[in-house]
Amino acid sequence: MPFPDQPRHPFTPEEVARVPEGKRGVYGLFNDLGCVFVGKGNLRERLLLHLKPGYTEEARCIRKLAPTYFLLEETENFVVRHMGLAVEYAPRCRS
């Protein structure tokens, strides 16, 4: 089952800062070609982390594919939901 219907949120520091603190769930990073990454946990913290330079394989992959927007879903059952979204979207970068 895909993310619920919602507007595309631009993947910018300003837009990520609008995500309420402490909300947990799943998120997807996308570009015009499709899904770049599906993640889980504290939504704002995780999204902010992806905006910073990183040196892990995951960070290099995400930076190379340059996501332009993100989608969110709040859920306490984020571990199971993450697995389903990863199958649904087959992100090009894996966690």
N, C-alpha and C. Protein backbone atom coordinates (compact mmCIF):
# COMPACT_ATOMS: atom_id res chain seq x y z
N MET A 1 0.84 -1.17 0.00
CA MET A 1 0.00 0.00 0.00
C MET A 1 0.89 1.24 0.00
N PRO A 2 0.69 2.16 -0.94
CA PRO A 2 1.55 3.35 -1.05
C PRO A 2 1.30 4.36 0.08
N PHE A 3 2.10 5.43 0.06
CA PHE A 3 1.87 6.53 1.00
C PHE A 3 0.46 7.09 0.79
N PRO A 4 -0.17 7.59 1.85
CA PRO A 4 -1.49 8.23 1.69
C PRO A 4 -1.38 9.44 0.76
N ASP A 5 -2.49 9.79 0.12
CA ASP A 5 -2.52 10.98 -0.74
C ASP A 5 -2.12 12.20 0.06
N GLN A 6 -1.22 12.99 -0.50
CA GLN A 6 -0.73 14.20 0.15
C GLN A 6 0.04 15.02 -0.86
N PRO A 7 0.21 16.30 -0.62
CA PRO A 7 1.05 17.09 -1.52
C PRO A 7 2.52 16.67 -1.39
N ARG A 8 3.27 16.86 -2.43
CA ARG A 8 4.71 16.62 -2.39
C ARG A 8 5.35 17.74 -1.58
N HIS A 9 6.14 17.38 -0.58
CA HIS A 9 6.83 18.37 0.23
C HIS A 9 8.23 18.58 -0.36
N PRO A 10 8.58 19.80 -0.77
CA PRO A 10 9.93 20.03 -1.31
C PRO A 10 10.99 19.61 -0.29
N PHE A 11 12.01 18.93 -0.75
CA PHE A 11 13.07 18.46 0.15
C PHE A 11 14.08 19.58 0.36
N THR A 12 13.67 20.53 1.20
CA THR A 12 14.50 21.70 1.52
C THR A 12 14.56 21.83 3.04
N PRO A 13 15.59 22.52 3.55
CA PRO A 13 15.66 22.73 5.01
C PRO A 13 14.42 23.44 5.55
N GLU A 14 13.90 24.38 4.80
CA GLU A 14 12.73 25.14 5.26
C GLU A 14 11.50 24.24 5.39
N GLU A 15 11.30 23.37 4.43
CA GLU A 15 10.12 22.49 4.47
C GLU A 15 10.28 21.41 5.54
N VAL A 16 11.49 20.87 5.68
CA VAL A 16 11.73 19.86 6.71
C VAL A 16 11.51 20.47 8.10
N ALA A 17 11.89 21.73 8.28
CA ALA A 17 11.72 22.41 9.57
C ALA A 17 10.24 22.52 9.95
N ARG A 18 9.34 22.41 9.00
CA ARG A 18 7.90 22.48 9.28
C ARG A 18 7.34 21.16 9.82
N VAL A 19 8.09 20.09 9.69
CA VAL A 19 7.64 18.80 10.23
C VAL A 19 7.66 18.90 11.75
N PRO A 20 6.55 18.62 12.40
CA PRO A 20 6.50 18.75 13.86
C PRO A 20 7.55 17.87 14.56
N GLU A 21 8.17 18.42 15.58
CA GLU A 21 9.17 17.67 16.34
C GLU A 21 8.51 16.49 17.06
N GLY A 22 9.24 15.41 17.15
CA GLY A 22 8.79 14.26 17.91
C GLY A 22 7.85 13.31 17.20
N LYS A 23 7.42 13.64 15.99
CA LYS A 23 6.53 12.75 15.24
C LYS A 23 7.34 11.57 14.69
N ARG A 24 6.78 10.37 14.83
CA ARG A 24 7.47 9.17 14.36
C ARG A 24 6.65 8.52 13.25
N GLY A 25 7.37 7.88 12.34
CA GLY A 25 6.68 7.22 11.24
C GLY A 25 7.65 6.83 10.14
N VAL A 26 7.14 6.89 8.92
CA VAL A 26 7.93 6.53 7.74
C VAL A 26 7.93 7.70 6.76
N TYR A 27 8.93 7.73 5.91
CA TYR A 27 9.04 8.80 4.91
C TYR A 27 9.70 8.25 3.66
N GLY A 28 9.44 8.90 2.56
CA GLY A 28 10.09 8.55 1.30
C GLY A 28 10.70 9.78 0.68
N LEU A 29 11.90 9.62 0.14
CA LEU A 29 12.57 10.68 -0.62
C LEU A 29 12.46 10.31 -2.09
N PHE A 30 12.08 11.28 -2.92
CA PHE A 30 11.82 11.02 -4.33
C PHE A 30 12.49 12.07 -5.22
N ASN A 31 12.78 11.68 -6.45
CA ASN A 31 13.14 12.62 -7.51
C ASN A 31 12.22 12.34 -8.69
N ASP A 32 12.46 12.98 -9.82
CA ASP A 32 11.56 12.81 -10.97
C ASP A 32 11.56 11.39 -11.52
N LEU A 33 12.57 10.60 -11.20
CA LEU A 33 12.66 9.23 -11.71
C LEU A 33 12.00 8.21 -10.80
N GLY A 34 11.68 8.61 -9.56
CA GLY A 34 11.03 7.68 -8.65
C GLY A 34 11.57 7.76 -7.24
N CYS A 35 11.47 6.65 -6.54
CA CYS A 35 11.83 6.60 -5.13
C CYS A 35 13.34 6.46 -4.95
N VAL A 36 13.90 7.36 -4.18
CA VAL A 36 15.33 7.35 -3.86
C VAL A 36 15.58 6.56 -2.58
N PHE A 37 14.75 6.79 -1.55
CA PHE A 37 15.00 6.19 -0.24
C PHE A 37 13.71 6.13 0.56
N VAL A 38 13.55 5.08 1.34
CA VAL A 38 12.45 4.98 2.30
C VAL A 38 13.07 4.81 3.68
N GLY A 39 12.67 5.67 4.62
CA GLY A 39 13.24 5.62 5.96
C GLY A 39 12.16 5.60 7.03
N LYS A 40 12.61 5.47 8.28
CA LYS A 40 11.69 5.36 9.40
C LYS A 40 12.30 5.99 10.64
N GLY A 41 11.45 6.31 11.61
CA GLY A 41 11.91 6.85 12.89
C GLY A 41 11.32 8.21 13.16
N ASN A 42 12.09 9.04 13.88
CA ASN A 42 11.69 10.41 14.15
C ASN A 42 11.77 11.17 12.83
N LEU A 43 10.63 11.58 12.31
CA LEU A 43 10.56 12.11 10.95
C LEU A 43 11.44 13.34 10.73
N ARG A 44 11.30 14.33 11.59
CA ARG A 44 12.07 15.56 11.40
C ARG A 44 13.57 15.30 11.53
N GLU A 45 13.96 14.57 12.58
CA GLU A 45 15.39 14.30 12.79
C GLU A 45 16.00 13.55 11.62
N ARG A 46 15.30 12.53 11.15
CA ARG A 46 15.83 11.72 10.04
C ARG A 46 15.93 12.54 8.76
N LEU A 47 14.91 13.34 8.46
CA LEU A 47 14.96 14.16 7.25
C LEU A 47 16.08 15.20 7.33
N LEU A 48 16.24 15.82 8.49
CA LEU A 48 17.34 16.79 8.65
C LEU A 48 18.69 16.12 8.46
N LEU A 49 18.82 14.90 8.95
CA LEU A 49 20.06 14.15 8.79
C LEU A 49 20.40 13.95 7.31
N HIS A 50 19.39 13.69 6.49
CA HIS A 50 19.63 13.48 5.05
C HIS A 50 20.02 14.77 4.34
N LEU A 51 19.74 15.91 4.91
CA LEU A 51 20.13 17.18 4.30
C LEU A 51 21.58 17.54 4.57
N LYS A 52 22.20 16.88 5.56
CA LYS A 52 23.59 17.16 5.91
C LYS A 52 24.53 16.26 5.09
N PRO A 53 25.74 16.74 4.84
CA PRO A 53 26.69 15.87 4.16
C PRO A 53 26.97 14.63 5.00
N GLY A 54 27.08 13.51 4.37
CA GLY A 54 27.37 12.27 5.07
C GLY A 54 28.36 11.44 4.29
N TYR A 55 28.95 10.50 4.96
CA TYR A 55 30.00 9.71 4.32
C TYR A 55 29.68 8.23 4.26
N THR A 56 28.48 7.85 4.65
CA THR A 56 28.09 6.46 4.55
C THR A 56 27.68 6.16 3.11
N GLU A 57 27.61 4.91 2.77
CA GLU A 57 27.14 4.52 1.44
C GLU A 57 25.73 5.04 1.18
N GLU A 58 24.88 4.95 2.21
CA GLU A 58 23.51 5.45 2.10
C GLU A 58 23.50 6.95 1.79
N ALA A 59 24.29 7.72 2.52
CA ALA A 59 24.33 9.18 2.32
C ALA A 59 24.86 9.54 0.94
N ARG A 60 25.88 8.84 0.49
CA ARG A 60 26.43 9.11 -0.86
C ARG A 60 25.39 8.80 -1.94
N CYS A 61 24.69 7.69 -1.77
CA CYS A 61 23.66 7.31 -2.74
C CYS A 61 22.56 8.36 -2.80
N ILE A 62 22.06 8.77 -1.65
CA ILE A 62 20.98 9.76 -1.60
C ILE A 62 21.45 11.08 -2.22
N ARG A 63 22.64 11.53 -1.87
CA ARG A 63 23.17 12.79 -2.42
C ARG A 63 23.31 12.70 -3.94
N LYS A 64 23.79 11.57 -4.43
CA LYS A 64 23.99 11.39 -5.88
C LYS A 64 22.66 11.47 -6.63
N LEU A 65 21.60 10.91 -6.06
CA LEU A 65 20.30 10.87 -6.74
C LEU A 65 19.46 12.12 -6.51
N ALA A 66 19.91 13.01 -5.64
CA ALA A 66 19.33 14.35 -5.45
C ALA A 66 17.80 14.36 -5.34
N PRO A 67 17.26 13.85 -4.23
CA PRO A 67 15.81 13.90 -4.07
C PRO A 67 15.30 15.34 -4.06
N THR A 68 14.13 15.53 -4.63
CA THR A 68 13.54 16.86 -4.72
C THR A 68 12.31 17.04 -3.84
N TYR A 69 11.71 15.91 -3.41
CA TYR A 69 10.55 16.02 -2.53
C TYR A 69 10.47 14.80 -1.63
N PHE A 70 9.62 14.93 -0.58
CA PHE A 70 9.41 13.82 0.34
C PHE A 70 7.93 13.66 0.66
N LEU A 71 7.58 12.45 1.07
CA LEU A 71 6.25 12.11 1.55
C LEU A 71 6.39 11.53 2.95
N LEU A 72 5.36 11.72 3.78
CA LEU A 72 5.40 11.28 5.18
C LEU A 72 4.17 10.46 5.53
N GLU A 73 4.33 9.65 6.55
CA GLU A 73 3.18 8.98 7.17
C GLU A 73 3.50 8.76 8.63
N GLU A 74 2.71 9.36 9.49
CA GLU A 74 2.88 9.14 10.93
C GLU A 74 2.31 7.79 11.30
N THR A 75 3.09 7.00 12.03
CA THR A 75 2.62 5.71 12.52
C THR A 75 3.55 5.22 13.63
N GLU A 76 2.98 4.62 14.64
CA GLU A 76 3.79 4.01 15.69
C GLU A 76 4.32 2.65 15.24
N ASN A 77 3.68 2.07 14.23
CA ASN A 77 4.07 0.78 13.71
C ASN A 77 5.03 0.97 12.53
N PHE A 78 6.01 1.85 12.71
CA PHE A 78 6.84 2.26 11.58
C PHE A 78 7.80 1.18 11.08
N VAL A 79 8.17 0.23 11.92
CA VAL A 79 9.09 -0.83 11.46
C VAL A 79 8.41 -1.70 10.41
N VAL A 80 7.21 -2.14 10.71
CA VAL A 80 6.47 -2.98 9.76
C VAL A 80 6.08 -2.18 8.52
N ARG A 81 5.61 -0.96 8.72
CA ARG A 81 5.21 -0.11 7.59
C ARG A 81 6.39 0.17 6.67
N HIS A 82 7.57 0.38 7.24
CA HIS A 82 8.77 0.61 6.46
C HIS A 82 9.06 -0.57 5.54
N MET A 83 8.94 -1.77 6.06
CA MET A 83 9.19 -2.97 5.24
C MET A 83 8.23 -3.03 4.05
N GLY A 84 6.96 -2.71 4.29
CA GLY A 84 5.98 -2.72 3.21
C GLY A 84 6.25 -1.67 2.16
N LEU A 85 6.62 -0.47 2.59
CA LEU A 85 6.92 0.61 1.64
C LEU A 85 8.18 0.30 0.84
N ALA A 86 9.17 -0.32 1.47
CA ALA A 86 10.40 -0.67 0.76
C ALA A 86 10.10 -1.66 -0.37
N VAL A 87 9.19 -2.58 -0.14
CA VAL A 87 8.79 -3.52 -1.19
C VAL A 87 7.98 -2.78 -2.26
N GLU A 88 7.06 -1.95 -1.84
CA GLU A 88 6.18 -1.22 -2.76
C GLU A 88 6.95 -0.31 -3.71
N TYR A 89 7.91 0.45 -3.17
CA TYR A 89 8.60 1.47 -3.95
C TYR A 89 9.96 1.05 -4.49
N ALA A 90 10.56 0.00 -3.96
CA ALA A 90 11.89 -0.46 -4.38
C ALA A 90 12.86 0.72 -4.52
N PRO A 91 13.17 1.42 -3.41
CA PRO A 91 14.05 2.59 -3.49
C PRO A 91 15.42 2.25 -4.03
N ARG A 92 16.01 3.19 -4.72
CA ARG A 92 17.31 2.96 -5.34
C ARG A 92 18.44 2.96 -4.31
N CYS A 93 18.24 3.64 -3.19
CA CYS A 93 19.20 3.61 -2.09
C CYS A 93 18.55 2.81 -0.96
N ARG A 94 19.31 1.92 -0.38
CA ARG A 94 18.77 1.04 0.68
C ARG A 94 19.38 1.39 2.03
N SER A 95 18.58 1.23 3.07
CA SER A 95 19.10 1.49 4.43
C SER A 95 19.67 0.21 5.01
